[in-house]
């Protein structure tokens, strides 16, 4: 869920602060998860605050710097 007006996104288990999300469940894999991160989350403005399901909040800009 993304709110442009609030500059925030709820990203569930897709990405955590400092790490890729969880791939331990049936039907998930690292390749698809990374495609979602790079194609969807990293296309958001860098100041967008990311709220995951299991870690502290972070921003698109902080996480992009870790991966790119």
PDB file of N, CA and C in Angstrom:
ATOM      1  N   UNK A   1       0.840  -1.169   0.000  1.00  0.00           N
ATOM      2  CA  UNK A   1       0.000   0.000   0.000  1.00  0.00           C
ATOM      3  C   UNK A   1       0.892   1.242   0.000  1.00  0.00           C
ATOM      4  N   UNK A   2       0.648   2.167  -0.919  1.00  0.00           N
ATOM      5  CA  UNK A   2       1.450   3.384  -1.038  1.00  0.00           C
ATOM      6  C   UNK A   2       0.553   4.606  -0.965  1.00  0.00           C
ATOM      7  N   UNK A   3       0.942   5.589  -0.155  1.00  0.00           N
ATOM      8  CA  UNK A   3       0.237   6.862  -0.068  1.00  0.00           C
ATOM      9  C   UNK A   3       1.172   7.967  -0.530  1.00  0.00           C
ATOM     10  N   UNK A   4       0.907   8.482  -1.705  1.00  0.00           N
ATOM     11  CA  UNK A   4       1.715   9.590  -2.222  1.00  0.00           C
ATOM     12  C   UNK A   4       1.574  10.826  -1.336  1.00  0.00           C
ATOM     13  N   UNK A   5       0.365  11.092  -0.879  1.00  0.00           N
ATOM     14  CA  UNK A   5       0.120  12.274  -0.051  1.00  0.00           C
ATOM     15  C   UNK A   5       0.892  12.212   1.269  1.00  0.00           C
ATOM     16  N   UNK A   6       0.989  11.041   1.857  1.00  0.00           N
ATOM     17  CA  UNK A   6       1.678  10.867   3.138  1.00  0.00           C
ATOM     18  C   UNK A   6       3.151  10.491   2.972  1.00  0.00           C
ATOM     19  N   UNK A   7       3.570  10.215   1.764  1.00  0.00           N
ATOM     20  CA  UNK A   7       4.938   9.781   1.455  1.00  0.00           C
ATOM     21  C   UNK A   7       5.344   8.572   2.291  1.00  0.00           C
ATOM     22  N   UNK A   8       4.485   7.541   2.266  1.00  0.00           N
ATOM     23  CA  UNK A   8       4.787   6.313   2.988  1.00  0.00           C
ATOM     24  C   UNK A   8       4.235   5.112   2.248  1.00  0.00           C
ATOM     25  N   UNK A   9       4.834   3.958   2.539  1.00  0.00           N
ATOM     26  CA  UNK A   9       4.385   2.706   1.948  1.00  0.00           C
ATOM     27  C   UNK A   9       4.463   1.605   2.998  1.00  0.00           C
ATOM     28  N   UNK A  10       3.440   0.783   3.034  1.00  0.00           N
ATOM     29  CA  UNK A  10       3.447  -0.409   3.870  1.00  0.00           C
ATOM     30  C   UNK A  10       3.861  -1.556   2.962  1.00  0.00           C
ATOM     31  N   UNK A  11       5.034  -2.140   3.221  1.00  0.00           N
ATOM     32  CA  UNK A  11       5.627  -3.103   2.292  1.00  0.00           C
ATOM     33  C   UNK A  11       5.627  -4.540   2.806  1.00  0.00           C
ATOM     34  N   UNK A  12       4.995  -4.787   3.930  1.00  0.00           N
ATOM     35  CA  UNK A  12       4.895  -6.147   4.448  1.00  0.00           C
ATOM     36  C   UNK A  12       6.256  -6.797   4.638  1.00  0.00           C
ATOM     37  N   UNK A  13       6.405  -8.003   4.111  1.00  0.00           N
ATOM     38  CA  UNK A  13       7.653  -8.753   4.232  1.00  0.00           C
ATOM     39  C   UNK A  13       8.512  -8.669   2.971  1.00  0.00           C
ATOM     40  N   UNK A  14       8.253  -7.702   2.107  1.00  0.00           N
ATOM     41  CA  UNK A  14       9.022  -7.574   0.870  1.00  0.00           C
ATOM     42  C   UNK A  14      10.440  -7.099   1.131  1.00  0.00           C
ATOM     43  N   UNK A  15      10.576  -6.107   1.983  1.00  0.00           N
ATOM     44  CA  UNK A  15      11.897  -5.568   2.322  1.00  0.00           C
ATOM     45  C   UNK A  15      11.872  -5.145   3.781  1.00  0.00           C
ATOM     46  N   UNK A  16      12.981  -5.381   4.467  1.00  0.00           N
ATOM     47  CA  UNK A  16      13.136  -4.971   5.851  1.00  0.00           C
ATOM     48  C   UNK A  16      14.226  -3.918   5.922  1.00  0.00           C
ATOM     49  N   UNK A  17      14.337  -3.248   7.038  1.00  0.00           N
ATOM     50  CA  UNK A  17      15.422  -2.288   7.209  1.00  0.00           C
ATOM     51  C   UNK A  17      16.745  -3.058   7.146  1.00  0.00           C
ATOM     52  N   UNK A  18      17.510  -2.807   6.116  1.00  0.00           N
ATOM     53  CA  UNK A  18      18.821  -3.425   5.984  1.00  0.00           C
ATOM     54  C   UNK A  18      18.862  -4.796   5.368  1.00  0.00           C
ATOM     55  N   UNK A  19      17.736  -5.326   4.905  1.00  0.00           N
ATOM     56  CA  UNK A  19      17.777  -6.651   4.290  1.00  0.00           C
ATOM     57  C   UNK A  19      16.571  -6.901   3.400  1.00  0.00           C
ATOM     58  N   UNK A  20      16.774  -7.848   2.529  1.00  0.00           N
ATOM     59  CA  UNK A  20      15.691  -8.311   1.662  1.00  0.00           C
ATOM     60  C   UNK A  20      14.648  -9.020   2.523  1.00  0.00           C
ATOM     61  N   UNK A  21      13.445  -9.098   2.028  1.00  0.00           N
ATOM     62  CA  UNK A  21      12.378  -9.752   2.776  1.00  0.00           C
ATOM     63  C   UNK A  21      12.543 -11.252   2.864  1.00  0.00           C
ATOM     64  N   UNK A  22      11.540 -11.898   3.375  1.00  0.00           N
ATOM     65  CA  UNK A  22      11.576 -13.324   3.657  1.00  0.00           C
ATOM     66  C   UNK A  22      11.284 -14.166   2.415  1.00  0.00           C
ATOM     67  N   UNK A  23      12.093 -15.200   2.206  1.00  0.00           N
ATOM     68  CA  UNK A  23      11.882 -16.133   1.092  1.00  0.00           C
ATOM     69  C   UNK A  23      11.701 -17.560   1.599  1.00  0.00           C
ATOM     70  N   UNK A  24      11.388 -17.725   2.862  1.00  0.00           N
ATOM     71  CA  UNK A  24      11.314 -19.053   3.456  1.00  0.00           C
ATOM     72  C   UNK A  24      10.006 -19.784   3.196  1.00  0.00           C
ATOM     73  N   UNK A  25       9.014 -19.101   2.686  1.00  0.00           N
ATOM     74  CA  UNK A  25       7.703 -19.722   2.532  1.00  0.00           C
ATOM     75  C   UNK A  25       7.514 -20.329   1.153  1.00  0.00           C
ATOM     76  N   UNK A  26       6.693 -21.373   1.042  1.00  0.00           N
ATOM     77  CA  UNK A  26       6.449 -22.006  -0.258  1.00  0.00           C
ATOM     78  C   UNK A  26       5.955 -20.989  -1.294  1.00  0.00           C
ATOM     79  N   UNK A  27       6.500 -21.081  -2.483  1.00  0.00           N
ATOM     80  CA  UNK A  27       6.106 -20.191  -3.565  1.00  0.00           C
ATOM     81  C   UNK A  27       6.917 -18.910  -3.643  1.00  0.00           C
ATOM     82  N   UNK A  28       7.763 -18.656  -2.650  1.00  0.00           N
ATOM     83  CA  UNK A  28       8.578 -17.437  -2.699  1.00  0.00           C
ATOM     84  C   UNK A  28       9.994 -17.781  -3.130  1.00  0.00           C
ATOM     85  N   UNK A  29      10.655 -16.801  -3.728  1.00  0.00           N
ATOM     86  CA  UNK A  29      12.054 -16.995  -4.110  1.00  0.00           C
ATOM     87  C   UNK A  29      12.734 -15.635  -4.202  1.00  0.00           C
ATOM     88  N   UNK A  30      14.038 -15.657  -4.064  1.00  0.00           N
ATOM     89  CA  UNK A  30      14.821 -14.431  -4.008  1.00  0.00           C
ATOM     90  C   UNK A  30      14.725 -13.625  -5.297  1.00  0.00           C
ATOM     91  N   UNK A  31      14.710 -14.296  -6.435  1.00  0.00           N
ATOM     92  CA  UNK A  31      14.660 -13.598  -7.731  1.00  0.00           C
ATOM     93  C   UNK A  31      13.390 -12.756  -7.859  1.00  0.00           C
ATOM     94  N   UNK A  32      12.242 -13.340  -7.547  1.00  0.00           N
ATOM     95  CA  UNK A  32      10.974 -12.604  -7.644  1.00  0.00           C
ATOM     96  C   UNK A  32      10.895 -11.480  -6.617  1.00  0.00           C
ATOM     97  N   UNK A  33      11.405 -11.744  -5.433  1.00  0.00           N
ATOM     98  CA  UNK A  33      11.394 -10.724  -4.388  1.00  0.00           C
ATOM     99  C   UNK A  33      12.252  -9.527  -4.792  1.00  0.00           C
ATOM    100  N   UNK A  34      13.437  -9.789  -5.321  1.00  0.00           N
ATOM    101  CA  UNK A  34      14.299  -8.702  -5.775  1.00  0.00           C
ATOM    102  C   UNK A  34      13.662  -7.942  -6.939  1.00  0.00           C
ATOM    103  N   UNK A  35      12.968  -8.642  -7.821  1.00  0.00           N
ATOM    104  CA  UNK A  35      12.281  -7.965  -8.928  1.00  0.00           C
ATOM    105  C   UNK A  35      11.220  -7.001  -8.396  1.00  0.00           C
ATOM    106  N   UNK A  36      10.509  -7.392  -7.357  1.00  0.00           N
ATOM    107  CA  UNK A  36       9.514  -6.504  -6.752  1.00  0.00           C
ATOM    108  C   UNK A  36      10.168  -5.304  -6.090  1.00  0.00           C
ATOM    109  N   UNK A  37      11.267  -5.553  -5.386  1.00  0.00           N
ATOM    110  CA  UNK A  37      11.966  -4.458  -4.716  1.00  0.00           C
ATOM    111  C   UNK A  37      12.475  -3.448  -5.737  1.00  0.00           C
ATOM    112  N   UNK A  38      13.176  -3.933  -6.748  1.00  0.00           N
ATOM    113  CA  UNK A  38      13.762  -3.027  -7.736  1.00  0.00           C
ATOM    114  C   UNK A  38      12.702  -2.400  -8.637  1.00  0.00           C
ATOM    115  N   UNK A  39      11.677  -3.149  -9.011  1.00  0.00           N
ATOM    116  CA  UNK A  39      10.669  -2.653  -9.942  1.00  0.00           C
ATOM    117  C   UNK A  39       9.575  -1.813  -9.324  1.00  0.00           C
ATOM    118  N   UNK A  40       9.241  -2.085  -8.089  1.00  0.00           N
ATOM    119  CA  UNK A  40       8.120  -1.384  -7.463  1.00  0.00           C
ATOM    120  C   UNK A  40       8.573  -0.449  -6.339  1.00  0.00           C
ATOM    121  N   UNK A  41       9.237  -0.985  -5.339  1.00  0.00           N
ATOM    122  CA  UNK A  41       9.610  -0.165  -4.184  1.00  0.00           C
ATOM    123  C   UNK A  41      10.631   0.897  -4.562  1.00  0.00           C
ATOM    124  N   UNK A  42      11.659   0.509  -5.313  1.00  0.00           N
ATOM    125  CA  UNK A  42      12.698   1.475  -5.666  1.00  0.00           C
ATOM    126  C   UNK A  42      12.263   2.467  -6.735  1.00  0.00           C
ATOM    127  N   UNK A  43      11.070   2.296  -7.278  1.00  0.00           N
ATOM    128  CA  UNK A  43      10.544   3.291  -8.213  1.00  0.00           C
ATOM    129  C   UNK A  43       9.816   4.425  -7.477  1.00  0.00           C
ATOM    130  N   UNK A  44       9.615   4.259  -6.180  1.00  0.00           N
ATOM    131  CA  UNK A  44       8.969   5.299  -5.375  1.00  0.00           C
ATOM    132  C   UNK A  44       9.976   6.403  -5.068  1.00  0.00           C
ATOM    133  N   UNK A  45       9.509   7.604  -4.725  1.00  0.00           N
ATOM    134  CA  UNK A  45      10.424   8.688  -4.357  1.00  0.00           C
ATOM    135  C   UNK A  45      11.326   8.281  -3.189  1.00  0.00           C
ATOM    136  N   UNK A  46      12.558   8.756  -3.200  1.00  0.00           N
ATOM    137  CA  UNK A  46      13.548   8.340  -2.210  1.00  0.00           C
ATOM    138  C   UNK A  46      13.179   8.697  -0.775  1.00  0.00           C
ATOM    139  N   UNK A  47      12.385   9.717  -0.583  1.00  0.00           N
ATOM    140  CA  UNK A  47      11.986  10.113   0.782  1.00  0.00           C
ATOM    141  C   UNK A  47      10.817   9.288   1.318  1.00  0.00           C
ATOM    142  N   UNK A  48      10.270   8.397   0.503  1.00  0.00           N
ATOM    143  CA  UNK A  48       9.143   7.580   0.942  1.00  0.00           C
ATOM    144  C   UNK A  48       9.559   6.713   2.127  1.00  0.00           C
ATOM    145  N   UNK A  49       8.804   6.789   3.192  1.00  0.00           N
ATOM    146  CA  UNK A  49       9.058   5.973   4.382  1.00  0.00           C
ATOM    147  C   UNK A  49       8.462   4.591   4.143  1.00  0.00           C
ATOM    148  N   UNK A  50       9.259   3.555   4.435  1.00  0.00           N
ATOM    149  CA  UNK A  50       8.829   2.171   4.261  1.00  0.00           C
ATOM    150  C   UNK A  50       8.565   1.543   5.619  1.00  0.00           C
ATOM    151  N   UNK A  51       7.364   1.014   5.777  1.00  0.00           N
ATOM    152  CA  UNK A  51       7.002   0.294   6.993  1.00  0.00           C
ATOM    153  C   UNK A  51       6.853  -1.179   6.631  1.00  0.00           C
ATOM    154  N   UNK A  52       7.722  -2.009   7.199  1.00  0.00           N
ATOM    155  CA  UNK A  52       7.639  -3.445   6.933  1.00  0.00           C
ATOM    156  C   UNK A  52       6.883  -4.138   8.060  1.00  0.00           C
ATOM    157  N   UNK A  53       6.742  -5.429   7.916  1.00  0.00           N
ATOM    158  CA  UNK A  53       6.024  -6.185   8.931  1.00  0.00           C
ATOM    159  C   UNK A  53       6.849  -6.538  10.150  1.00  0.00           C
ATOM    160  N   UNK A  54       8.192  -6.464  10.062  1.00  0.00           N
ATOM    161  CA  UNK A  54       9.005  -7.015  11.148  1.00  0.00           C
ATOM    162  C   UNK A  54      10.254  -6.220  11.498  1.00  0.00           C
ATOM    163  N   UNK A  55      10.344  -4.974  11.129  1.00  0.00           N
ATOM    164  CA  UNK A  55      11.532  -4.209  11.485  1.00  0.00           C
ATOM    165  C   UNK A  55      11.171  -2.733  11.617  1.00  0.00           C
ATOM    166  N   UNK A  56      12.157  -1.947  12.015  1.00  0.00           N
ATOM    167  CA  UNK A  56      11.946  -0.506  12.104  1.00  0.00           C
ATOM    168  C   UNK A  56      11.719   0.078  10.716  1.00  0.00           C
ATOM    169  N   UNK A  57      11.138   1.243  10.669  1.00  0.00           N
ATOM    170  CA  UNK A  57      10.919   1.899   9.377  1.00  0.00           C
ATOM    171  C   UNK A  57      12.251   2.293   8.762  1.00  0.00           C
ATOM    172  N   UNK A  58      12.229   2.528   7.467  1.00  0.00           N
ATOM    173  CA  UNK A  58      13.387   2.971   6.707  1.00  0.00           C
ATOM    174  C   UNK A  58      12.856   3.829   5.571  1.00  0.00           C
ATOM    175  N   UNK A  59      13.689   4.209   4.642  1.00  0.00           N
ATOM    176  CA  UNK A  59      13.224   4.967   3.482  1.00  0.00           C
ATOM    177  C   UNK A  59      13.701   4.292   2.203  1.00  0.00           C
ATOM    178  N   UNK A  60      13.076   4.640   1.108  1.00  0.00           N
ATOM    179  CA  UNK A  60      13.500   4.131  -0.190  1.00  0.00           C
ATOM    180  C   UNK A  60      14.956   4.512  -0.436  1.00  0.00           C
ATOM    181  N   UNK A  61      15.324   5.756  -0.156  1.00  0.00           N
ATOM    182  CA  UNK A  61      16.684   6.224  -0.395  1.00  0.00           C
ATOM    183  C   UNK A  61      17.727   5.453   0.393  1.00  0.00           C
ATOM    184  N   UNK A  62      17.447   5.175   1.654  1.00  0.00           N
ATOM    185  CA  UNK A  62      18.388   4.414   2.484  1.00  0.00           C
ATOM    186  C   UNK A  62      18.575   3.013   1.925  1.00  0.00           C
ATOM    187  N   UNK A  63      17.485   2.365   1.575  1.00  0.00           N
ATOM    188  CA  UNK A  63      17.586   0.993   1.087  1.00  0.00           C
ATOM    189  C   UNK A  63      18.188   0.937  -0.316  1.00  0.00           C
ATOM    190  N   UNK A  64      17.890   1.891  -1.160  1.00  0.00           N
ATOM    191  CA  UNK A  64      18.511   1.928  -2.498  1.00  0.00           C
ATOM    192  C   UNK A  64      20.026   2.018  -2.376  1.00  0.00           C
ATOM    193  N   UNK A  65      20.502   2.826  -1.438  1.00  0.00           N
ATOM    194  CA  UNK A  65      21.945   2.982  -1.238  1.00  0.00           C
ATOM    195  C   UNK A  65      22.603   1.663  -0.844  1.00  0.00           C
ATOM    196  N   UNK A  66      21.879   0.788  -0.186  1.00  0.00           N
ATOM    197  CA  UNK A  66      22.416  -0.514   0.217  1.00  0.00           C
ATOM    198  C   UNK A  66      22.542  -1.475  -0.971  1.00  0.00           C
ATOM    199  N   UNK A  67      21.652  -1.347  -1.938  1.00  0.00           N
ATOM    200  CA  UNK A  67      21.549  -2.317  -3.027  1.00  0.00           C
ATOM    201  C   UNK A  67      22.143  -1.846  -4.347  1.00  0.00           C
ATOM    202  N   UNK A  68      22.166  -0.530  -4.556  1.00  0.00           N
ATOM    203  CA  UNK A  68      22.590  -0.030  -5.870  1.00  0.00           C
ATOM    204  C   UNK A  68      23.947   0.625  -5.754  1.00  0.00           C
TER     205      UNK A  68
END
